[in-house]
């Protein structure tokens, strides 16, 4: 136990026309410090997670955190990027600084402003998280990448369109109760299952309701070593924090096996000395519904090719044996790239402190988090527990 989450903040995800990258960063930085009861002068290091890659013109954003308070001046601040796992990568840098005793308190901010560019530009930016030499011309951008993965899964294990629609419907039902979510509407299974003008095919078998949202937003958290955390108002401890990276080209892997995510989960369970059955909930990376389906298998909830059972039999519903994405997930909550991993940790911490409101899982005691960059390339698993 080297570090705890002791405070947090989270904007609503969606389209923030009146805010820019800087204002989103400043807002959550101030609110997270206030929530933790820690002054800016007492922060030892700052890590800012943002992918950008062209979403906004402003680069070199790490010191934008300093706009929140002059007391940040002259502290070390570093920008972190690891595709869609950027937020978790930034958290890991904070954990490493505390483990190395180079810091006692760390501020981590995750942010993205995606809506300043066109839909075509968003697609062009996101496809860069694939192996461009082989995958750069896939039609449909990154949705096209997961469209191919979905087609391959259907070919190997049968058409799972019902399961994908159930996942989408579950996450929208959950998101309807989350005031931080981009879409707060229960779309229902029939809408998610049916191809329509409002729900057309996007790439391969994937419909619009199978795809996560293009969003703006920010989230922040304060990390502290255990000794410091014990003197503060709340503390959620990392029982495990594991990172596993795999080859970038899909051609070098069995892309349906999600071996990187599976290994990350196994290492996290071993480190935490718990099993999947001990978890109260999981926040997982449903960039596309297919990803959540395969992640059921990677975390060990079902054997390979049987992930559909978990959703069709209700295991992963909010009142099921293992609630998955009670927040609504990326599917309903939104997916501002750099903010996503931080958001997952914030919402899991809220669950474990009984402050998650309408998305609260009753009696939550142990939470698992899986955040993924690329198509199962950068894989981060955390297991969180209240310290006291």
Protein backbone atom coordinates (compact mmCIF):
# COMPACT_ATOMS: atom_id res chain seq x y z
CA UNK A 1 0.00 0.00 0.00
CA UNK A 2 2.02 2.94 -1.26
CA UNK A 3 -0.61 5.51 -2.17
CA UNK A 4 -4.21 6.54 -1.70
CA UNK A 5 -6.74 8.71 -3.49
CA UNK A 6 -7.65 11.43 -0.99
CA UNK A 7 -9.69 13.87 -3.10
CA UNK A 8 -11.21 14.26 -6.53
CA UNK A 9 -13.22 16.34 -8.97
CA UNK A 10 -15.06 15.65 -12.23
CA UNK A 11 -16.79 17.87 -14.79
CA UNK A 12 -19.80 16.63 -16.63
CA UNK A 13 -18.70 15.04 -19.90
CA UNK A 14 -20.23 16.39 -23.08
CA UNK A 15 -19.80 19.38 -25.36
CA UNK A 16 -18.37 22.36 -23.45
CA UNK A 17 -18.68 25.20 -25.92
CA UNK A 18 -17.97 27.90 -23.33
CA UNK A 19 -14.79 26.29 -21.96
CA UNK A 20 -11.35 25.60 -23.36
CA UNK A 21 -8.65 23.14 -22.31
CA UNK A 22 -7.25 25.56 -19.75
CA UNK A 23 -10.53 26.31 -18.02
CA UNK A 24 -11.39 22.61 -17.73
CA UNK A 25 -7.97 21.89 -16.21
CA UNK A 26 -8.17 24.77 -13.75
CA UNK A 27 -11.70 23.91 -12.62
CA UNK A 28 -10.98 20.31 -11.66
CA UNK A 29 -7.55 21.13 -10.18
CA UNK A 30 -9.07 23.64 -7.77
CA UNK A 31 -12.02 21.40 -6.91
CA UNK A 32 -9.89 18.27 -6.31
CA UNK A 33 -7.57 20.11 -3.94
CA UNK A 34 -10.53 21.56 -2.07
CA UNK A 35 -12.10 18.12 -1.83
CA UNK A 36 -8.87 16.66 -0.42
CA UNK A 37 -8.32 19.54 2.00
CA UNK A 38 -4.82 20.10 0.63
CA UNK A 39 -3.34 23.46 -0.36
CA UNK A 40 -1.62 23.90 -3.75
CA UNK A 41 1.63 24.72 -1.91
CA UNK A 42 1.59 21.23 -0.38
CA UNK A 43 1.49 19.40 -3.72
CA UNK A 44 4.89 17.91 -4.58
CA UNK A 45 4.29 17.05 -8.25
CA UNK A 46 1.71 17.46 -10.99
CA UNK A 47 0.90 15.05 -13.82
CA UNK A 48 -1.42 16.09 -16.64
CA UNK A 49 -2.88 13.45 -18.93
CA UNK A 50 -4.04 14.56 -22.38
CA UNK A 51 -3.75 12.91 -25.79
CA UNK A 52 -4.54 15.96 -27.95
CA UNK A 53 -2.80 14.95 -31.23
CA UNK A 54 -4.62 17.83 -32.90
CA UNK A 55 -7.94 18.19 -31.05
CA UNK A 56 -6.79 21.66 -29.94
CA UNK A 57 -3.93 23.93 -31.04
CA UNK A 58 -2.49 24.32 -27.54
CA UNK A 59 0.40 21.94 -26.96
CA UNK A 60 2.82 21.74 -24.01
CA UNK A 61 -0.06 21.96 -21.50
CA UNK A 62 1.47 20.66 -18.26
CA UNK A 63 2.00 24.09 -16.71
CA UNK A 64 -1.58 25.12 -17.46
CA UNK A 65 -2.37 23.51 -14.11
CA UNK A 66 -0.44 26.40 -12.56
CA UNK A 67 -3.17 28.76 -13.75
CA UNK A 68 -5.24 27.39 -10.87
CA UNK A 69 -3.02 28.97 -8.21
CA UNK A 70 0.32 30.85 -8.11
CA UNK A 71 1.51 28.48 -5.36
CA UNK A 72 2.05 25.81 -8.03
CA UNK A 73 4.88 27.84 -9.57
CA UNK A 74 8.25 26.06 -9.75
CA UNK A 75 6.82 22.62 -8.93
CA UNK A 76 7.56 19.75 -11.34
CA UNK A 77 4.73 19.26 -13.85
CA UNK A 78 4.72 16.63 -16.59
CA UNK A 79 2.37 15.88 -19.47
CA UNK A 80 1.61 12.15 -20.00
CA UNK A 81 0.17 10.46 -23.10
CA UNK A 82 -0.71 6.81 -23.73
CA UNK A 83 -3.65 6.93 -26.19
CA UNK A 84 -6.98 6.13 -24.51
CA UNK A 85 -5.15 4.94 -21.39
CA UNK A 86 -3.57 8.38 -20.91
CA UNK A 87 -5.44 9.09 -17.67
CA UNK A 88 -4.34 5.87 -16.01
CA UNK A 89 -0.79 6.39 -17.26
CA UNK A 90 -0.75 9.80 -15.55
CA UNK A 91 -1.99 8.20 -12.33
CA UNK A 92 0.79 5.61 -12.53
CA UNK A 93 3.37 8.37 -12.78
CA UNK A 94 1.97 9.80 -9.56
CA UNK A 95 2.01 6.41 -7.88
CA UNK A 96 5.61 5.87 -8.99
CA UNK A 97 6.69 9.25 -7.60
CA UNK A 98 5.15 8.40 -4.23
CA UNK A 99 6.58 4.86 -4.22
CA UNK A 100 10.04 6.30 -4.94
CA UNK A 101 9.54 8.78 -2.08
CA UNK A 102 10.08 11.69 -4.42
CA UNK A 103 6.62 12.97 -3.48
CA UNK A 104 4.10 12.64 -0.67
CA UNK A 105 1.19 14.36 -2.42
CA UNK A 106 0.54 14.45 -6.17
CA UNK A 107 -2.14 16.14 -8.27
CA UNK A 108 -3.24 14.21 -11.37
CA UNK A 109 -5.45 15.85 -14.00
CA UNK A 110 -6.93 14.17 -17.07
CA UNK A 111 -8.49 16.31 -19.78
CA UNK A 112 -9.55 16.39 -23.42
CA UNK A 113 -11.37 18.90 -25.60
CA UNK A 114 -12.48 16.89 -28.62
CA UNK A 115 -15.35 18.90 -30.07
CA UNK A 116 -13.41 21.80 -31.57
CA UNK A 117 -12.68 19.74 -34.69
CA UNK A 118 -14.97 18.05 -37.22
CA UNK A 119 -16.07 14.44 -37.02
CA UNK A 120 -13.75 13.59 -39.91
CA UNK A 121 -10.82 15.16 -38.06
CA UNK A 122 -11.69 13.20 -34.90
CA UNK A 123 -11.55 10.00 -36.93
CA UNK A 124 -8.21 10.98 -38.48
CA UNK A 125 -6.75 11.70 -35.04
CA UNK A 126 -8.00 8.51 -33.37
CA UNK A 127 -6.79 6.17 -36.12
CA UNK A 128 -3.26 7.28 -35.23
CA UNK A 129 -3.59 5.09 -32.13
CA UNK A 130 -3.41 2.09 -34.46
CA UNK A 131 -0.43 0.69 -36.40
CA UNK A 132 -0.61 3.00 -39.41
CA UNK A 133 1.63 0.90 -41.65
CA UNK A 134 -1.00 -1.86 -41.68
CA UNK A 135 -4.18 -0.34 -40.20
CA UNK A 136 -4.08 3.32 -41.21
CA UNK A 137 -6.33 2.90 -44.25
CA UNK A 138 -9.07 0.93 -42.49
CA UNK A 139 -12.35 2.54 -43.47
CA UNK A 140 -14.17 4.18 -40.58
CA UNK A 141 -11.10 5.07 -38.54
CA UNK A 142 -10.86 3.48 -35.11
CA UNK A 143 -14.50 2.43 -35.30
CA UNK A 144 -13.41 0.52 -38.40
CA UNK A 145 -10.67 -1.19 -36.36
CA UNK A 146 -13.23 -2.44 -33.85
CA UNK A 147 -15.63 -3.20 -36.68
CA UNK A 148 -13.04 -5.68 -37.96
CA UNK A 149 -12.53 -7.09 -34.46
CA UNK A 150 -16.29 -7.52 -34.13
CA UNK A 151 -16.58 -9.27 -37.48
CA UNK A 152 -13.75 -11.62 -36.53
CA UNK A 153 -15.41 -12.37 -33.18
CA UNK A 154 -18.72 -13.14 -34.90
CA UNK A 155 -16.96 -15.42 -37.38
CA UNK A 156 -15.26 -17.36 -34.59
CA UNK A 157 -18.03 -17.46 -31.99
CA UNK A 158 -21.27 -16.60 -33.80
CA UNK A 159 -23.34 -13.45 -34.18
CA UNK A 160 -23.43 -11.64 -30.84
CA UNK A 161 -25.52 -8.65 -31.91
CA UNK A 162 -28.06 -9.31 -29.14
CA UNK A 163 -25.33 -9.23 -26.51
CA UNK A 164 -23.84 -6.00 -27.88
CA UNK A 165 -27.24 -4.33 -27.82
CA UNK A 166 -27.78 -5.50 -24.23
CA UNK A 167 -24.42 -4.01 -23.23
CA UNK A 168 -25.30 -0.70 -24.86
CA UNK A 169 -28.75 -0.67 -23.23
CA UNK A 170 -27.28 -1.51 -19.81
CA UNK A 171 -24.76 1.27 -19.98
CA UNK A 172 -27.30 3.84 -21.15
CA UNK A 173 -29.67 2.77 -18.38
CA UNK A 174 -26.84 3.30 -15.87
CA UNK A 175 -25.76 6.57 -17.46
CA UNK A 176 -29.29 7.94 -17.11
CA UNK A 177 -28.66 8.01 -13.35
CA UNK A 178 -25.22 9.65 -13.62
CA UNK A 179 -25.30 13.48 -13.56
CA UNK A 180 -21.74 13.53 -14.92
CA UNK A 181 -22.62 11.53 -18.05
CA UNK A 182 -22.68 12.91 -21.58
CA UNK A 183 -25.95 11.09 -22.39
CA UNK A 184 -28.37 10.75 -19.50
CA UNK A 185 -31.09 8.82 -21.30
CA UNK A 186 -32.20 5.20 -21.07
CA UNK A 187 -32.31 4.25 -24.76
CA UNK A 188 -33.67 0.74 -24.18
CA UNK A 189 -32.72 -2.57 -25.75
CA UNK A 190 -34.99 -2.33 -28.80
CA UNK A 191 -33.49 0.99 -29.89
CA UNK A 192 -29.94 -0.30 -29.41
CA UNK A 193 -30.69 -3.55 -31.25
CA UNK A 194 -32.50 -2.03 -34.24
CA UNK A 195 -30.85 -0.37 -37.20
CA UNK A 196 -32.58 2.96 -37.84
CA UNK A 197 -31.97 6.47 -39.12
CA UNK A 198 -30.93 7.46 -35.60
CA UNK A 199 -28.93 4.26 -35.07
CA UNK A 200 -27.24 3.38 -38.37
CA UNK A 201 -24.37 1.00 -38.96
CA UNK A 202 -21.07 2.80 -38.44
CA UNK A 203 -18.45 0.13 -39.17
CA UNK A 204 -19.04 -3.54 -39.89
CA UNK A 205 -21.65 -4.88 -37.44
CA UNK A 206 -21.22 -1.87 -35.12
CA UNK A 207 -24.10 0.57 -34.90
CA UNK A 208 -23.95 4.08 -33.48
CA UNK A 209 -25.12 2.76 -30.11
CA UNK A 210 -22.12 0.42 -30.04
CA UNK A 211 -19.66 3.32 -30.11
CA UNK A 212 -18.44 5.59 -27.31
CA UNK A 213 -19.00 9.31 -27.49
CA UNK A 214 -16.84 12.19 -28.68
CA UNK A 215 -16.74 14.34 -25.55
CA UNK A 216 -15.08 17.21 -23.74
CA UNK A 217 -14.32 16.97 -20.04
CA UNK A 218 -11.84 16.73 -17.23
CA UNK A 219 -11.30 14.81 -14.00
CA UNK A 220 -8.68 15.17 -11.30
CA UNK A 221 -7.56 13.36 -8.20
CA UNK A 222 -5.09 13.90 -5.40
CA UNK A 223 -2.76 11.06 -4.42
CA UNK A 224 -1.01 10.84 -1.07
CA UNK A 225 1.17 8.35 0.74
CA UNK A 226 -0.56 6.29 3.43
CA UNK A 227 0.82 8.27 6.36
CA UNK A 228 -0.46 11.54 4.88
CA UNK A 229 -3.76 9.98 3.84
CA UNK A 230 -4.52 8.77 7.36
CA UNK A 231 -4.58 12.37 8.55
CA UNK A 232 -7.08 13.45 5.87
CA UNK A 233 -10.84 13.12 5.64
CA UNK A 234 -10.98 10.14 3.28
CA UNK A 235 -8.64 7.66 1.68
CA UNK A 236 -9.09 5.01 -1.02
CA UNK A 237 -6.03 2.80 -1.30
CA UNK A 238 -4.56 1.05 -4.35
CA UNK A 239 -4.47 -2.66 -3.56
CA UNK A 240 -2.94 -3.08 -7.03
CA UNK A 241 -1.98 -0.97 -10.05
CA UNK A 242 -0.68 -2.95 -13.01
CA UNK A 243 0.35 -1.98 -16.54
CA UNK A 244 0.82 -4.45 -19.40
CA UNK A 245 1.68 -3.32 -22.93
CA UNK A 246 1.43 -5.49 -26.04
CA UNK A 247 2.55 -5.19 -29.66
CA UNK A 248 0.98 -2.31 -31.58
CA UNK A 249 0.25 -4.22 -34.84
CA UNK A 250 -2.87 -6.38 -34.58
CA UNK A 251 -1.23 -8.77 -37.04
CA UNK A 252 1.26 -9.85 -34.34
CA UNK A 253 -1.46 -10.94 -31.93
CA UNK A 254 -4.67 -12.93 -31.68
CA UNK A 255 -6.72 -9.76 -31.40
CA UNK A 256 -9.72 -11.63 -29.99
CA UNK A 257 -7.72 -13.03 -27.06
CA UNK A 258 -7.06 -9.67 -25.37
CA UNK A 259 -3.95 -11.24 -23.86
CA UNK A 260 -2.62 -7.92 -22.53
CA UNK A 261 -5.81 -7.15 -20.59
CA UNK A 262 -5.98 -10.72 -19.31
CA UNK A 263 -2.41 -10.59 -18.01
CA UNK A 264 -2.97 -7.18 -16.43
CA UNK A 265 -5.97 -8.54 -14.53
CA UNK A 266 -4.09 -11.67 -13.43
CA UNK A 267 -1.17 -9.61 -12.13
CA UNK A 268 -3.51 -7.21 -10.33
CA UNK A 269 -5.41 -10.03 -8.62
CA UNK A 270 -2.13 -11.64 -7.55
CA UNK A 271 -0.80 -8.33 -6.22
CA UNK A 272 -4.01 -7.55 -4.33
CA UNK A 273 -4.41 -11.17 -3.18
CA UNK A 274 -8.05 -11.21 -4.25
CA UNK A 275 -10.08 -12.78 -7.02
CA UNK A 276 -12.72 -11.55 -9.44
CA UNK A 277 -15.40 -12.89 -7.10
CA UNK A 278 -14.23 -10.46 -4.41
CA UNK A 279 -14.95 -7.35 -6.49
CA UNK A 280 -18.07 -5.29 -5.83
CA UNK A 281 -17.98 -3.63 -9.25
CA UNK A 282 -15.82 -2.99 -12.32
CA UNK A 283 -15.41 0.14 -14.40
CA UNK A 284 -14.12 -1.12 -17.75
CA UNK A 285 -13.10 0.38 -21.08
CA UNK A 286 -16.13 0.04 -23.34
CA UNK A 287 -14.87 2.22 -26.18
CA UNK A 288 -17.08 -0.10 -28.23
CA UNK A 289 -19.56 -2.65 -26.93
CA UNK A 290 -17.39 -5.41 -28.40
CA UNK A 291 -14.56 -4.31 -26.13
CA UNK A 292 -16.70 -4.75 -23.02
CA UNK A 293 -17.85 -8.16 -24.29
CA UNK A 294 -14.28 -9.42 -24.79
CA UNK A 295 -13.18 -7.81 -21.51
CA UNK A 296 -15.67 -10.04 -19.66
CA UNK A 297 -13.56 -12.93 -20.91
CA UNK A 298 -10.23 -11.23 -20.22
CA UNK A 299 -11.09 -10.53 -16.59
CA UNK A 300 -12.15 -14.16 -16.14
CA UNK A 301 -15.90 -13.69 -15.83
CA UNK A 302 -16.54 -16.24 -18.61
CA UNK A 303 -14.45 -18.57 -20.78
CA UNK A 304 -13.28 -17.37 -24.19
CA UNK A 305 -16.13 -16.93 -26.64
CA UNK A 306 -18.80 -16.99 -23.93
CA UNK A 307 -18.80 -13.34 -22.87
CA UNK A 308 -22.39 -12.96 -24.06
CA UNK A 309 -23.57 -15.08 -21.12
CA UNK A 310 -22.50 -12.38 -18.67
CA UNK A 311 -24.80 -9.77 -20.15
CA UNK A 312 -27.63 -11.98 -21.40
CA UNK A 313 -27.97 -13.60 -17.96
CA UNK A 314 -27.80 -10.25 -16.18
CA UNK A 315 -24.52 -10.80 -14.32
CA UNK A 316 -23.13 -7.36 -15.18
CA UNK A 317 -26.26 -5.31 -14.55
CA UNK A 318 -26.10 -2.82 -11.68
CA UNK A 319 -27.95 -5.33 -9.46
CA UNK A 320 -26.12 -8.37 -10.89
CA UNK A 321 -23.39 -10.47 -9.32
CA UNK A 322 -20.67 -8.19 -10.79
CA UNK A 323 -21.91 -4.74 -11.85
CA UNK A 324 -19.87 -3.53 -14.82
CA UNK A 325 -19.86 0.17 -15.69
CA UNK A 326 -22.48 1.37 -13.21
CA UNK A 327 -21.36 4.86 -14.28
CA UNK A 328 -22.64 4.25 -17.81
CA UNK A 329 -19.13 3.59 -19.06
CA UNK A 330 -17.55 5.32 -22.02
CA UNK A 331 -20.69 4.36 -23.94
CA UNK A 332 -23.00 6.75 -22.03
CA UNK A 333 -20.69 8.76 -19.78
CA UNK A 334 -18.50 9.82 -22.71
CA UNK A 335 -14.88 9.37 -23.67
CA UNK A 336 -12.75 12.54 -23.54
CA UNK A 337 -9.55 10.57 -24.15
CA UNK A 338 -7.14 11.97 -21.55
CA UNK A 339 -9.82 12.26 -18.88
CA UNK A 340 -11.22 8.73 -19.13
CA UNK A 341 -8.75 6.84 -16.93
CA UNK A 342 -8.87 9.49 -14.22
CA UNK A 343 -12.67 9.51 -14.42
CA UNK A 344 -12.79 5.74 -13.89
CA UNK A 345 -10.70 6.05 -10.72
CA UNK A 346 -12.75 8.99 -9.42
CA UNK A 347 -16.05 7.19 -9.93
CA UNK A 348 -14.72 3.98 -8.37
CA UNK A 349 -13.52 5.99 -5.36
CA UNK A 350 -16.98 7.55 -5.09
CA UNK A 351 -18.51 4.07 -5.07
CA UNK A 352 -16.19 2.94 -2.29
CA UNK A 353 -16.94 5.99 -0.15
CA UNK A 354 -20.70 5.67 -0.66
CA UNK A 355 -20.93 9.02 -2.47
CA UNK A 356 -21.89 7.85 -5.98
CA UNK A 357 -25.53 8.94 -5.73
CA UNK A 358 -27.91 7.36 -8.22
CA UNK A 359 -25.22 5.03 -9.64
CA UNK A 360 -24.19 3.75 -6.19
CA UNK A 361 -23.65 -0.01 -5.96
CA UNK A 362 -24.96 -1.05 -2.57
CA UNK A 363 -22.25 -2.06 -0.12
CA UNK A 364 -19.34 -1.51 -2.54
CA UNK A 365 -16.10 -2.55 -0.83
CA UNK A 366 -13.64 -3.43 -3.61
CA UNK A 367 -13.54 -1.97 -7.12
CA UNK A 368 -11.71 -3.07 -10.26
CA UNK A 369 -10.78 -0.68 -13.07
CA UNK A 370 -9.62 -1.51 -16.59
CA UNK A 371 -8.45 1.28 -18.91
CA UNK A 372 -7.11 0.46 -22.37
CA UNK A 373 -5.08 2.37 -24.96
CA UNK A 374 -5.47 1.29 -28.57
CA UNK A 375 -6.85 -2.14 -29.38
CA UNK A 376 -5.67 -3.90 -26.18
CA UNK A 377 -2.19 -2.37 -26.49
CA UNK A 378 -1.71 -0.29 -23.31
CA UNK A 379 -3.57 -2.06 -20.52
CA UNK A 380 -4.00 -0.72 -16.98
CA UNK A 381 -5.78 -2.48 -14.13
CA UNK A 382 -6.32 -0.99 -10.68
CA UNK A 383 -7.96 -2.55 -7.63
CA UNK A 384 -9.18 -0.02 -5.08
CA UNK A 385 -10.39 -0.37 -1.50
CA UNK A 386 -11.29 2.14 1.25
CA UNK A 387 -8.32 2.53 3.58
CA UNK A 388 -10.63 3.03 6.54
